[in-house]
Amino acid sequence: MGIIAIPWSLKIFYGFMSDNITVFNSKRRGHILMNCACCITTIGMMIVFGQQLGKNFITFCIFISQMNMAYNDTVTDALTCQAAKFGVKDGNENLNAISYLFQGIGAIVGAFISMQVKESKHFNPYSCFGVYMLLQFFFFVSALMMNKDMEPGEIEEKEQESIQAAA
């Protein structure tokens, strides 16, 4: 279990990487797309080959999935803070509160689902990983539709242009 938690302790490095390394011509969206694709692939491989290849393979797949999830969490935290900082006129300052609300709801729903998996004969852990893979796909699609103006540097340039236009 401790191996799976290691990627979460490396979040500071993910932040530095996403701020300074461009992926797919993007500093935020490209990282999300890359991590979601890797996570979907890894979870898919675990669902297909997990029982054949055993617990070491499953642990490896979950480790990679958690690494991608922690990385995406870092990037989305940065996007939320950035939107809250620059989008005050739009009401975006409440994004952190909304984010924490939905994380709490997700935790409660996740606990309920895990109880159902344990007590049900119709669900198994692979069903839950399939749902997780589907959620990662939705995250991938939403990253594809992400506003390019939310990239670091883009907001500062637009802010400078608006200041110059006002002067």
Foldseek 3Di string as FASTA:
>chain_A
DVLLCVLLVCLVVLLVCLQPPDAPNASQLRLLLVLLVLLLVLLVCCLVCVVVVHDVSVSVSSSSNSNSVSSNVSSVVVLLVLCLVQVVVVVSVCVVVVVVVVVVVVVVVVVVVVVCQVPDPVHHVSVVSVVVNVVSVVSNVVSVVDDRCSTPPSSVVVVVVVVVVVD
